[in-house]
mmCIF file of all heavy atoms, coordinates in Angstrom:
data_MODEL
# 
_entry.id   MODEL 
# 
loop_
_atom_site.group_PDB 
_atom_site.id 
_atom_site.type_symbol 
_atom_site.label_atom_id 
_atom_site.label_alt_id 
_atom_site.label_comp_id 
_atom_site.label_asym_id 
_atom_site.label_entity_id 
_atom_site.label_seq_id 
_atom_site.pdbx_PDB_ins_code 
_atom_site.Cartn_x 
_atom_site.Cartn_y 
_atom_site.Cartn_z 
_atom_site.occupancy 
_atom_site.B_iso_or_equiv 
_atom_site.pdbx_formal_charge 
_atom_site.auth_seq_id 
_atom_site.auth_comp_id 
_atom_site.auth_asym_id 
_atom_site.auth_atom_id 
_atom_site.pdbx_PDB_model_num 
ATOM 1   N N   . LEU A 1 1  ? 179.860 91.068 65.574 1.00 0.00 ? 1  LEU A N   1 
ATOM 2   C CA  . LEU A 1 1  ? 178.800 90.570 66.480 1.00 0.00 ? 1  LEU A CA  1 
ATOM 3   C C   . LEU A 1 1  ? 177.419 91.502 66.400 1.00 0.00 ? 1  LEU A C   1 
ATOM 4   O O   . LEU A 1 1  ? 176.404 90.924 66.491 1.00 0.00 ? 1  LEU A O   1 
ATOM 5   C CB  . LEU A 1 1  ? 179.158 90.459 67.930 1.00 0.00 ? 1  LEU A CB  1 
ATOM 6   C CG  . LEU A 1 1  ? 180.281 89.436 68.060 1.00 0.00 ? 1  LEU A CG  1 
ATOM 7   C CD1 . LEU A 1 1  ? 180.663 89.151 69.522 1.00 0.00 ? 1  LEU A CD1 1 
ATOM 8   C CD2 . LEU A 1 1  ? 179.800 88.115 67.505 1.00 0.00 ? 1  LEU A CD2 1 
ATOM 9   N N   . LEU A 1 2  ? 177.644 92.754 66.099 1.00 0.00 ? 2  LEU A N   1 
ATOM 10  C CA  . LEU A 1 2  ? 176.428 93.585 65.965 1.00 0.00 ? 2  LEU A CA  1 
ATOM 11  C C   . LEU A 1 2  ? 175.527 93.111 64.821 1.00 0.00 ? 2  LEU A C   1 
ATOM 12  O O   . LEU A 1 2  ? 174.360 92.911 64.904 1.00 0.00 ? 2  LEU A O   1 
ATOM 13  C CB  . LEU A 1 2  ? 176.701 95.042 65.845 1.00 0.00 ? 2  LEU A CB  1 
ATOM 14  C CG  . LEU A 1 2  ? 177.170 95.694 67.168 1.00 0.00 ? 2  LEU A CG  1 
ATOM 15  C CD1 . LEU A 1 2  ? 177.605 97.176 66.714 1.00 0.00 ? 2  LEU A CD1 1 
ATOM 16  C CD2 . LEU A 1 2  ? 176.125 95.725 68.211 1.00 0.00 ? 2  LEU A CD2 1 
ATOM 17  N N   . GLU A 1 3  ? 176.283 92.702 63.709 1.00 0.00 ? 3  GLU A N   1 
ATOM 18  C CA  . GLU A 1 3  ? 175.536 92.132 62.609 1.00 0.00 ? 3  GLU A CA  1 
ATOM 19  C C   . GLU A 1 3  ? 174.939 90.808 62.879 1.00 0.00 ? 3  GLU A C   1 
ATOM 20  O O   . GLU A 1 3  ? 173.796 90.576 62.545 1.00 0.00 ? 3  GLU A O   1 
ATOM 21  C CB  . GLU A 1 3  ? 176.641 91.989 61.448 1.00 0.00 ? 3  GLU A CB  1 
ATOM 22  C CG  . GLU A 1 3  ? 175.920 91.320 60.160 1.00 0.00 ? 3  GLU A CG  1 
ATOM 23  C CD  . GLU A 1 3  ? 176.942 90.959 59.103 1.00 0.00 ? 3  GLU A CD  1 
ATOM 24  O OE1 . GLU A 1 3  ? 178.119 91.498 59.115 1.00 0.00 ? 3  GLU A OE1 1 
ATOM 25  O OE2 . GLU A 1 3  ? 176.522 90.129 58.227 1.00 0.00 ? 3  GLU A OE2 1 
ATOM 26  N N   . GLN A 1 4  ? 175.685 89.926 63.625 1.00 0.00 ? 4  GLN A N   1 
ATOM 27  C CA  . GLN A 1 4  ? 175.070 88.659 64.026 1.00 0.00 ? 4  GLN A CA  1 
ATOM 28  C C   . GLN A 1 4  ? 173.821 88.836 64.980 1.00 0.00 ? 4  GLN A C   1 
ATOM 29  O O   . GLN A 1 4  ? 172.802 88.100 64.713 1.00 0.00 ? 4  GLN A O   1 
ATOM 30  C CB  . GLN A 1 4  ? 176.094 87.762 64.751 1.00 0.00 ? 4  GLN A CB  1 
ATOM 31  C CG  . GLN A 1 4  ? 177.159 87.352 63.901 1.00 0.00 ? 4  GLN A CG  1 
ATOM 32  C CD  . GLN A 1 4  ? 176.772 86.442 62.799 1.00 0.00 ? 4  GLN A CD  1 
ATOM 33  O OE1 . GLN A 1 4  ? 175.914 85.636 63.039 1.00 0.00 ? 4  GLN A OE1 1 
ATOM 34  N NE2 . GLN A 1 4  ? 177.290 86.594 61.640 1.00 0.00 ? 4  GLN A NE2 1 
ATOM 35  N N   . LEU A 1 5  ? 173.878 89.754 65.828 1.00 0.00 ? 5  LEU A N   1 
ATOM 36  C CA  . LEU A 1 5  ? 172.865 90.031 66.783 1.00 0.00 ? 5  LEU A CA  1 
ATOM 37  C C   . LEU A 1 5  ? 171.639 90.499 65.931 1.00 0.00 ? 5  LEU A C   1 
ATOM 38  O O   . LEU A 1 5  ? 170.409 90.135 66.197 1.00 0.00 ? 5  LEU A O   1 
ATOM 39  C CB  . LEU A 1 5  ? 173.189 91.037 67.838 1.00 0.00 ? 5  LEU A CB  1 
ATOM 40  C CG  . LEU A 1 5  ? 172.364 91.046 69.045 1.00 0.00 ? 5  LEU A CG  1 
ATOM 41  C CD1 . LEU A 1 5  ? 172.327 89.717 69.826 1.00 0.00 ? 5  LEU A CD1 1 
ATOM 42  C CD2 . LEU A 1 5  ? 173.065 92.131 70.120 1.00 0.00 ? 5  LEU A CD2 1 
ATOM 43  N N   . GLU A 1 6  ? 171.793 91.341 64.937 1.00 0.00 ? 6  GLU A N   1 
ATOM 44  C CA  . GLU A 1 6  ? 170.726 91.937 64.144 1.00 0.00 ? 6  GLU A CA  1 
ATOM 45  C C   . GLU A 1 6  ? 170.141 90.775 63.321 1.00 0.00 ? 6  GLU A C   1 
ATOM 46  O O   . GLU A 1 6  ? 168.964 90.706 63.185 1.00 0.00 ? 6  GLU A O   1 
ATOM 47  C CB  . GLU A 1 6  ? 171.281 93.018 63.260 1.00 0.00 ? 6  GLU A CB  1 
ATOM 48  C CG  . GLU A 1 6  ? 170.235 93.614 62.417 1.00 0.00 ? 6  GLU A CG  1 
ATOM 49  C CD  . GLU A 1 6  ? 169.114 94.475 63.276 1.00 0.00 ? 6  GLU A CD  1 
ATOM 50  O OE1 . GLU A 1 6  ? 169.436 94.865 64.409 1.00 0.00 ? 6  GLU A OE1 1 
ATOM 51  O OE2 . GLU A 1 6  ? 168.005 94.492 62.692 1.00 0.00 ? 6  GLU A OE2 1 
ATOM 52  N N   . ARG A 1 7  ? 170.951 89.874 62.803 1.00 0.00 ? 7  ARG A N   1 
ATOM 53  C CA  . ARG A 1 7  ? 170.477 88.741 61.996 1.00 0.00 ? 7  ARG A CA  1 
ATOM 54  C C   . ARG A 1 7  ? 169.682 87.789 62.906 1.00 0.00 ? 7  ARG A C   1 
ATOM 55  O O   . ARG A 1 7  ? 168.671 87.336 62.401 1.00 0.00 ? 7  ARG A O   1 
ATOM 56  C CB  . ARG A 1 7  ? 171.680 88.012 61.404 1.00 0.00 ? 7  ARG A CB  1 
ATOM 57  C CG  . ARG A 1 7  ? 172.299 88.777 60.228 1.00 0.00 ? 7  ARG A CG  1 
ATOM 58  C CD  . ARG A 1 7  ? 173.411 88.005 59.560 1.00 0.00 ? 7  ARG A CD  1 
ATOM 59  N NE  . ARG A 1 7  ? 172.960 86.786 59.041 1.00 0.00 ? 7  ARG A NE  1 
ATOM 60  C CZ  . ARG A 1 7  ? 173.783 85.761 58.904 1.00 0.00 ? 7  ARG A CZ  1 
ATOM 61  N NH1 . ARG A 1 7  ? 175.018 85.730 59.165 1.00 0.00 ? 7  ARG A NH1 1 
ATOM 62  N NH2 . ARG A 1 7  ? 173.336 84.520 58.357 1.00 0.00 ? 7  ARG A NH2 1 
ATOM 63  N N   . LEU A 1 8  ? 170.100 87.519 64.137 1.00 0.00 ? 8  LEU A N   1 
ATOM 64  C CA  . LEU A 1 8  ? 169.211 86.669 65.044 1.00 0.00 ? 8  LEU A CA  1 
ATOM 65  C C   . LEU A 1 8  ? 167.943 87.333 65.270 1.00 0.00 ? 8  LEU A C   1 
ATOM 66  O O   . LEU A 1 8  ? 166.937 86.620 65.238 1.00 0.00 ? 8  LEU A O   1 
ATOM 67  C CB  . LEU A 1 8  ? 170.035 86.548 66.379 1.00 0.00 ? 8  LEU A CB  1 
ATOM 68  C CG  . LEU A 1 8  ? 171.025 85.528 66.387 1.00 0.00 ? 8  LEU A CG  1 
ATOM 69  C CD1 . LEU A 1 8  ? 171.940 85.634 67.716 1.00 0.00 ? 8  LEU A CD1 1 
ATOM 70  C CD2 . LEU A 1 8  ? 170.529 84.107 66.226 1.00 0.00 ? 8  LEU A CD2 1 
ATOM 71  N N   . ASP A 1 9  ? 167.901 88.621 65.475 1.00 0.00 ? 9  ASP A N   1 
ATOM 72  C CA  . ASP A 1 9  ? 166.713 89.405 65.760 1.00 0.00 ? 9  ASP A CA  1 
ATOM 73  C C   . ASP A 1 9  ? 165.820 89.280 64.525 1.00 0.00 ? 9  ASP A C   1 
ATOM 74  O O   . ASP A 1 9  ? 164.550 88.956 64.701 1.00 0.00 ? 9  ASP A O   1 
ATOM 75  C CB  . ASP A 1 9  ? 166.908 90.782 66.183 1.00 0.00 ? 9  ASP A CB  1 
ATOM 76  C CG  . ASP A 1 9  ? 165.737 91.548 66.622 1.00 0.00 ? 9  ASP A CG  1 
ATOM 77  O OD1 . ASP A 1 9  ? 164.950 90.994 67.407 1.00 0.00 ? 9  ASP A OD1 1 
ATOM 78  O OD2 . ASP A 1 9  ? 165.514 92.663 66.269 1.00 0.00 ? 9  ASP A OD2 1 
ATOM 79  N N   . MET A 1 10 ? 166.274 89.455 63.291 1.00 0.00 ? 10 MET A N   1 
ATOM 80  C CA  . MET A 1 10 ? 165.522 89.458 62.120 1.00 0.00 ? 10 MET A CA  1 
ATOM 81  C C   . MET A 1 10 ? 165.007 87.988 61.895 1.00 0.00 ? 10 MET A C   1 
ATOM 82  O O   . MET A 1 10 ? 163.888 87.819 61.462 1.00 0.00 ? 10 MET A O   1 
ATOM 83  C CB  . MET A 1 10 ? 166.334 89.834 60.917 1.00 0.00 ? 10 MET A CB  1 
ATOM 84  C CG  . MET A 1 10 ? 166.637 91.428 60.910 1.00 0.00 ? 10 MET A CG  1 
ATOM 85  S SD  . MET A 1 10 ? 167.565 92.089 59.531 1.00 0.00 ? 10 MET A SD  1 
ATOM 86  C CE  . MET A 1 10 ? 168.063 90.814 58.539 1.00 0.00 ? 10 MET A CE  1 
ATOM 87  N N   . ALA A 1 11 ? 165.796 86.976 62.232 1.00 0.00 ? 11 ALA A N   1 
ATOM 88  C CA  . ALA A 1 11 ? 165.311 85.621 61.995 1.00 0.00 ? 11 ALA A CA  1 
ATOM 89  C C   . ALA A 1 11 ? 164.162 85.351 62.933 1.00 0.00 ? 11 ALA A C   1 
ATOM 90  O O   . ALA A 1 11 ? 163.214 84.689 62.535 1.00 0.00 ? 11 ALA A O   1 
ATOM 91  C CB  . ALA A 1 11 ? 166.516 84.608 62.273 1.00 0.00 ? 11 ALA A CB  1 
ATOM 92  N N   . PHE A 1 12 ? 164.263 85.711 64.190 1.00 0.00 ? 12 PHE A N   1 
ATOM 93  C CA  . PHE A 1 12 ? 163.241 85.572 65.208 1.00 0.00 ? 12 PHE A CA  1 
ATOM 94  C C   . PHE A 1 12 ? 161.877 86.272 64.712 1.00 0.00 ? 12 PHE A C   1 
ATOM 95  O O   . PHE A 1 12 ? 160.866 85.662 64.753 1.00 0.00 ? 12 PHE A O   1 
ATOM 96  C CB  . PHE A 1 12 ? 163.635 86.030 66.491 1.00 0.00 ? 12 PHE A CB  1 
ATOM 97  C CG  . PHE A 1 12 ? 162.695 85.592 67.596 1.00 0.00 ? 12 PHE A CG  1 
ATOM 98  C CD1 . PHE A 1 12 ? 162.502 84.225 67.954 1.00 0.00 ? 12 PHE A CD1 1 
ATOM 99  C CD2 . PHE A 1 12 ? 161.817 86.456 68.326 1.00 0.00 ? 12 PHE A CD2 1 
ATOM 100 C CE1 . PHE A 1 12 ? 161.575 83.843 69.006 1.00 0.00 ? 12 PHE A CE1 1 
ATOM 101 C CE2 . PHE A 1 12 ? 160.999 86.178 69.235 1.00 0.00 ? 12 PHE A CE2 1 
ATOM 102 C CZ  . PHE A 1 12 ? 160.819 84.813 69.642 1.00 0.00 ? 12 PHE A CZ  1 
ATOM 103 N N   . GLU A 1 13 ? 162.015 87.515 64.251 1.00 0.00 ? 13 GLU A N   1 
ATOM 104 C CA  . GLU A 1 13 ? 160.942 88.171 63.827 1.00 0.00 ? 13 GLU A CA  1 
ATOM 105 C C   . GLU A 1 13 ? 160.313 87.605 62.535 1.00 0.00 ? 13 GLU A C   1 
ATOM 106 O O   . GLU A 1 13 ? 159.052 87.508 62.350 1.00 0.00 ? 13 GLU A O   1 
ATOM 107 C CB  . GLU A 1 13 ? 161.295 89.662 63.455 1.00 0.00 ? 13 GLU A CB  1 
ATOM 108 C CG  . GLU A 1 13 ? 161.574 90.503 64.702 1.00 0.00 ? 13 GLU A CG  1 
ATOM 109 C CD  . GLU A 1 13 ? 160.336 90.534 65.593 1.00 0.00 ? 13 GLU A CD  1 
ATOM 110 O OE1 . GLU A 1 13 ? 159.131 90.719 65.085 1.00 0.00 ? 13 GLU A OE1 1 
ATOM 111 O OE2 . GLU A 1 13 ? 160.567 90.553 66.852 1.00 0.00 ? 13 GLU A OE2 1 
ATOM 112 N N   . SER A 1 14 ? 161.101 86.994 61.661 1.00 0.00 ? 14 SER A N   1 
ATOM 113 C CA  . SER A 1 14 ? 160.586 86.361 60.411 1.00 0.00 ? 14 SER A CA  1 
ATOM 114 C C   . SER A 1 14 ? 159.798 85.009 60.941 1.00 0.00 ? 14 SER A C   1 
ATOM 115 O O   . SER A 1 14 ? 158.705 84.730 60.330 1.00 0.00 ? 14 SER A O   1 
ATOM 116 C CB  . SER A 1 14 ? 161.786 85.909 59.611 1.00 0.00 ? 14 SER A CB  1 
ATOM 117 O OG  . SER A 1 14 ? 161.380 85.155 58.532 1.00 0.00 ? 14 SER A OG  1 
ATOM 118 N N   . ILE A 1 15 ? 160.326 84.327 61.844 1.00 0.00 ? 15 ILE A N   1 
ATOM 119 C CA  . ILE A 1 15 ? 159.664 83.101 62.295 1.00 0.00 ? 15 ILE A CA  1 
ATOM 120 C C   . ILE A 1 15 ? 158.249 83.487 62.916 1.00 0.00 ? 15 ILE A C   1 
ATOM 121 O O   . ILE A 1 15 ? 157.210 82.881 62.657 1.00 0.00 ? 15 ILE A O   1 
ATOM 122 C CB  . ILE A 1 15 ? 160.491 82.361 63.283 1.00 0.00 ? 15 ILE A CB  1 
ATOM 123 C CG1 . ILE A 1 15 ? 161.583 81.705 62.591 1.00 0.00 ? 15 ILE A CG1 1 
ATOM 124 C CG2 . ILE A 1 15 ? 159.627 81.304 63.995 1.00 0.00 ? 15 ILE A CG2 1 
ATOM 125 C CD1 . ILE A 1 15 ? 162.662 81.086 63.488 1.00 0.00 ? 15 ILE A CD1 1 
ATOM 126 N N   . LYS A 1 16 ? 158.177 84.607 63.705 1.00 0.00 ? 16 LYS A N   1 
ATOM 127 C CA  . LYS A 1 16 ? 156.986 84.936 64.289 1.00 0.00 ? 16 LYS A CA  1 
ATOM 128 C C   . LYS A 1 16 ? 155.956 85.491 63.182 1.00 0.00 ? 16 LYS A C   1 
ATOM 129 O O   . LYS A 1 16 ? 154.902 85.149 63.312 1.00 0.00 ? 16 LYS A O   1 
ATOM 130 C CB  . LYS A 1 16 ? 157.248 86.316 65.239 1.00 0.00 ? 16 LYS A CB  1 
ATOM 131 C CG  . LYS A 1 16 ? 157.815 85.858 66.591 1.00 0.00 ? 16 LYS A CG  1 
ATOM 132 C CD  . LYS A 1 16 ? 158.138 86.979 67.573 1.00 0.00 ? 16 LYS A CD  1 
ATOM 133 C CE  . LYS A 1 16 ? 157.491 88.262 67.400 1.00 0.00 ? 16 LYS A CE  1 
ATOM 134 N NZ  . LYS A 1 16 ? 158.030 89.199 68.429 1.00 0.00 ? 16 LYS A NZ  1 
ATOM 135 N N   . LYS A 1 17 ? 156.521 86.162 62.154 1.00 0.00 ? 17 LYS A N   1 
ATOM 136 C CA  . LYS A 1 17 ? 155.668 86.642 61.141 1.00 0.00 ? 17 LYS A CA  1 
ATOM 137 C C   . LYS A 1 17 ? 155.031 85.359 60.402 1.00 0.00 ? 17 LYS A C   1 
ATOM 138 O O   . LYS A 1 17 ? 153.929 85.371 60.076 1.00 0.00 ? 17 LYS A O   1 
ATOM 139 C CB  . LYS A 1 17 ? 156.447 87.411 60.120 1.00 0.00 ? 17 LYS A CB  1 
ATOM 140 C CG  . LYS A 1 17 ? 155.714 88.029 58.989 1.00 0.00 ? 17 LYS A CG  1 
ATOM 141 C CD  . LYS A 1 17 ? 156.575 88.797 58.116 1.00 0.00 ? 17 LYS A CD  1 
ATOM 142 C CE  . LYS A 1 17 ? 155.860 89.257 56.885 1.00 0.00 ? 17 LYS A CE  1 
ATOM 143 N NZ  . LYS A 1 17 ? 156.696 89.961 55.898 1.00 0.00 ? 17 LYS A NZ  1 
ATOM 144 N N   . ASP A 1 18 ? 155.820 84.308 60.100 1.00 0.00 ? 18 ASP A N   1 
ATOM 145 C CA  . ASP A 1 18 ? 155.365 83.127 59.462 1.00 0.00 ? 18 ASP A CA  1 
ATOM 146 C C   . ASP A 1 18 ? 154.306 82.446 60.363 1.00 0.00 ? 18 ASP A C   1 
ATOM 147 O O   . ASP A 1 18 ? 153.261 82.108 59.911 1.00 0.00 ? 18 ASP A O   1 
ATOM 148 C CB  . ASP A 1 18 ? 156.550 82.090 59.297 1.00 0.00 ? 18 ASP A CB  1 
ATOM 149 C CG  . ASP A 1 18 ? 157.465 82.496 58.264 1.00 0.00 ? 18 ASP A CG  1 
ATOM 150 O OD1 . ASP A 1 18 ? 157.159 83.551 57.478 1.00 0.00 ? 18 ASP A OD1 1 
ATOM 151 O OD2 . ASP A 1 18 ? 158.552 81.887 58.193 1.00 0.00 ? 18 ASP A OD2 1 
ATOM 152 N N   . LEU A 1 19 ? 154.470 82.374 61.622 1.00 0.00 ? 19 LEU A N   1 
ATOM 153 C CA  . LEU A 1 19 ? 153.539 81.789 62.569 1.00 0.00 ? 19 LEU A CA  1 
ATOM 154 C C   . LEU A 1 19 ? 152.243 82.467 62.622 1.00 0.00 ? 19 LEU A C   1 
ATOM 155 O O   . LEU A 1 19 ? 151.127 81.814 62.517 1.00 0.00 ? 19 LEU A O   1 
ATOM 156 C CB  . LEU A 1 19 ? 154.155 81.623 64.014 1.00 0.00 ? 19 LEU A CB  1 
ATOM 157 C CG  . LEU A 1 19 ? 155.342 80.576 64.166 1.00 0.00 ? 19 LEU A CG  1 
ATOM 158 C CD1 . LEU A 1 19 ? 155.847 80.705 65.614 1.00 0.00 ? 19 LEU A CD1 1 
ATOM 159 C CD2 . LEU A 1 19 ? 154.754 79.165 63.961 1.00 0.00 ? 19 LEU A CD2 1 
ATOM 160 N N   . PHE A 1 20 ? 152.298 83.784 62.833 1.00 0.00 ? 20 PHE A N   1 
ATOM 161 C CA  . PHE A 1 20 ? 151.078 84.612 62.837 1.00 0.00 ? 20 PHE A CA  1 
ATOM 162 C C   . PHE A 1 20 ? 150.355 84.589 61.559 1.00 0.00 ? 20 PHE A C   1 
ATOM 163 O O   . PHE A 1 20 ? 149.160 84.725 61.504 1.00 0.00 ? 20 PHE A O   1 
ATOM 164 C CB  . PHE A 1 20 ? 151.426 85.950 63.405 1.00 0.00 ? 20 PHE A CB  1 
ATOM 165 C CG  . PHE A 1 20 ? 151.623 85.964 64.925 1.00 0.00 ? 20 PHE A CG  1 
ATOM 166 C CD1 . PHE A 1 20 ? 152.881 86.459 65.379 1.00 0.00 ? 20 PHE A CD1 1 
ATOM 167 C CD2 . PHE A 1 20 ? 150.731 85.478 65.794 1.00 0.00 ? 20 PHE A CD2 1 
ATOM 168 C CE1 . PHE A 1 20 ? 153.184 86.517 66.742 1.00 0.00 ? 20 PHE A CE1 1 
ATOM 169 C CE2 . PHE A 1 20 ? 151.046 85.471 67.164 1.00 0.00 ? 20 PHE A CE2 1 
ATOM 170 C CZ  . PHE A 1 20 ? 152.202 85.962 67.709 1.00 0.00 ? 20 PHE A CZ  1 
ATOM 171 N N   . GLY A 1 21 ? 151.115 84.648 60.500 1.00 0.00 ? 21 GLY A N   1 
ATOM 172 C CA  . GLY A 1 21 ? 150.562 84.582 59.127 1.00 0.00 ? 21 GLY A CA  1 
ATOM 173 C C   . GLY A 1 21 ? 149.669 83.295 58.976 1.00 0.00 ? 21 GLY A C   1 
ATOM 174 O O   . GLY A 1 21 ? 148.689 83.266 58.483 1.00 0.00 ? 21 GLY A O   1 
ATOM 175 N N   . ARG A 1 22 ? 150.283 82.219 59.321 1.00 0.00 ? 22 ARG A N   1 
ATOM 176 C CA  . ARG A 1 22 ? 149.666 80.905 59.286 1.00 0.00 ? 22 ARG A CA  1 
ATOM 177 C C   . ARG A 1 22 ? 148.414 80.846 60.262 1.00 0.00 ? 22 ARG A C   1 
ATOM 178 O O   . ARG A 1 22 ? 147.315 80.393 59.773 1.00 0.00 ? 22 ARG A O   1 
ATOM 179 C CB  . ARG A 1 22 ? 150.601 79.752 59.750 1.00 0.00 ? 22 ARG A CB  1 
ATOM 180 C CG  . ARG A 1 22 ? 150.039 78.403 59.605 1.00 0.00 ? 22 ARG A CG  1 
ATOM 181 C CD  . ARG A 1 22 ? 149.696 77.946 58.275 1.00 0.00 ? 22 ARG A CD  1 
ATOM 182 N NE  . ARG A 1 22 ? 150.764 78.006 57.297 1.00 0.00 ? 22 ARG A NE  1 
ATOM 183 C CZ  . ARG A 1 22 ? 151.510 76.937 57.004 1.00 0.00 ? 22 ARG A CZ  1 
ATOM 184 N NH1 . ARG A 1 22 ? 151.336 75.779 57.586 1.00 0.00 ? 22 ARG A NH1 1 
ATOM 185 N NH2 . ARG A 1 22 ? 152.479 77.048 56.118 1.00 0.00 ? 22 ARG A NH2 1 
ATOM 186 N N   . LEU A 1 23 ? 148.549 81.379 61.362 1.00 0.00 ? 23 LEU A N   1 
ATOM 187 C CA  . LEU A 1 23 ? 147.396 81.407 62.293 1.00 0.00 ? 23 LEU A CA  1 
ATOM 188 C C   . LEU A 1 23 ? 146.285 82.250 61.745 1.00 0.00 ? 23 LEU A C   1 
ATOM 189 O O   . LEU A 1 23 ? 145.079 81.853 61.792 1.00 0.00 ? 23 LEU A O   1 
ATOM 190 C CB  . LEU A 1 23 ? 147.866 82.148 63.626 1.00 0.00 ? 23 LEU A CB  1 
ATOM 191 C CG  . LEU A 1 23 ? 146.830 82.308 64.748 1.00 0.00 ? 23 LEU A CG  1 
ATOM 192 C CD1 . LEU A 1 23 ? 146.269 80.921 65.156 1.00 0.00 ? 23 LEU A CD1 1 
ATOM 193 C CD2 . LEU A 1 23 ? 147.401 83.042 65.861 1.00 0.00 ? 23 LEU A CD2 1 
ATOM 194 N N   . LEU A 1 24 ? 146.556 83.395 61.096 1.00 0.00 ? 24 LEU A N   1 
ATOM 195 C CA  . LEU A 1 24 ? 145.534 84.260 60.456 1.00 0.00 ? 24 LEU A CA  1 
ATOM 196 C C   . LEU A 1 24 ? 144.874 83.477 59.399 1.00 0.00 ? 24 LEU A C   1 
ATOM 197 O O   . LEU A 1 24 ? 143.613 83.592 59.172 1.00 0.00 ? 24 LEU A O   1 
ATOM 198 C CB  . LEU A 1 24 ? 146.194 85.538 59.918 1.00 0.00 ? 24 LEU A CB  1 
ATOM 199 C CG  . LEU A 1 24 ? 145.280 86.539 59.302 1.00 0.00 ? 24 LEU A CG  1 
ATOM 200 C CD1 . LEU A 1 24 ? 144.161 86.974 60.206 1.00 0.00 ? 24 LEU A CD1 1 
ATOM 201 C CD2 . LEU A 1 24 ? 146.014 87.749 58.753 1.00 0.00 ? 24 LEU A CD2 1 
ATOM 202 N N   . GLN A 1 25 ? 145.608 82.759 58.567 1.00 0.00 ? 25 GLN A N   1 
ATOM 203 C CA  . GLN A 1 25 ? 144.976 82.006 57.522 1.00 0.00 ? 25 GLN A CA  1 
ATOM 204 C C   . GLN A 1 25 ? 143.976 80.853 58.066 1.00 0.00 ? 25 GLN A C   1 
ATOM 205 O O   . GLN A 1 25 ? 142.797 80.808 57.478 1.00 0.00 ? 25 GLN A O   1 
ATOM 206 C CB  . GLN A 1 25 ? 146.026 81.166 56.679 1.00 0.00 ? 25 GLN A CB  1 
ATOM 207 C CG  . GLN A 1 25 ? 146.863 82.085 55.724 1.00 0.00 ? 25 GLN A CG  1 
ATOM 208 C CD  . GLN A 1 25 ? 148.002 81.208 55.136 1.00 0.00 ? 25 GLN A CD  1 
ATOM 209 O OE1 . GLN A 1 25 ? 148.195 80.146 55.358 1.00 0.00 ? 25 GLN A OE1 1 
ATOM 210 N NE2 . GLN A 1 25 ? 148.776 82.001 54.276 1.00 0.00 ? 25 GLN A NE2 1 
ATOM 211 N N   . VAL A 1 26 ? 144.419 80.243 59.168 1.00 0.00 ? 26 VAL A N   1 
ATOM 212 C CA  . VAL A 1 26 ? 143.497 79.215 59.713 1.00 0.00 ? 26 VAL A CA  1 
ATOM 213 C C   . VAL A 1 26 ? 142.322 79.921 60.315 1.00 0.00 ? 26 VAL A C   1 
ATOM 214 O O   . VAL A 1 26 ? 141.147 79.439 60.165 1.00 0.00 ? 26 VAL A O   1 
ATOM 215 C CB  . VAL A 1 26 ? 144.262 78.390 60.810 1.00 0.00 ? 26 VAL A CB  1 
ATOM 216 C CG1 . VAL A 1 26 ? 143.319 77.520 61.595 1.00 0.00 ? 26 VAL A CG1 1 
ATOM 217 C CG2 . VAL A 1 26 ? 145.357 77.505 60.158 1.00 0.00 ? 26 VAL A CG2 1 
ATOM 218 N N   . TYR A 1 27 ? 142.479 80.959 61.009 1.00 0.00 ? 27 TYR A N   1 
ATOM 219 C CA  . TYR A 1 27 ? 141.423 81.663 61.603 1.00 0.00 ? 27 TYR A CA  1 
ATOM 220 C C   . TYR A 1 27 ? 140.394 82.172 60.629 1.00 0.00 ? 27 TYR A C   1 
ATOM 221 O O   . TYR A 1 27 ? 139.187 82.098 60.745 1.00 0.00 ? 27 TYR A O   1 
ATOM 222 C CB  . TYR A 1 27 ? 141.983 82.891 62.520 1.00 0.00 ? 27 TYR A CB  1 
ATOM 223 C CG  . TYR A 1 27 ? 140.943 83.790 63.052 1.00 0.00 ? 27 TYR A CG  1 
ATOM 224 C CD1 . TYR A 1 27 ? 140.159 83.262 64.109 1.00 0.00 ? 27 TYR A CD1 1 
ATOM 225 C CD2 . TYR A 1 27 ? 140.725 85.092 62.682 1.00 0.00 ? 27 TYR A CD2 1 
ATOM 226 C CE1 . TYR A 1 27 ? 139.202 84.083 64.601 1.00 0.00 ? 27 TYR A CE1 1 
ATOM 227 C CE2 . TYR A 1 27 ? 139.778 85.892 63.201 1.00 0.00 ? 27 TYR A CE2 1 
ATOM 228 C CZ  . TYR A 1 27 ? 139.065 85.360 64.269 1.00 0.00 ? 27 TYR A CZ  1 
ATOM 229 O OH  . TYR A 1 27 ? 137.993 86.184 64.787 1.00 0.00 ? 27 TYR A OH  1 
# 
């Protein structure tokens, strides 16, 4: 489960990075 929790955290961070990256391009 520690690995799963870390993977969930990394997935969420990756999605945030994608969203903010797209926002920066539009801006």
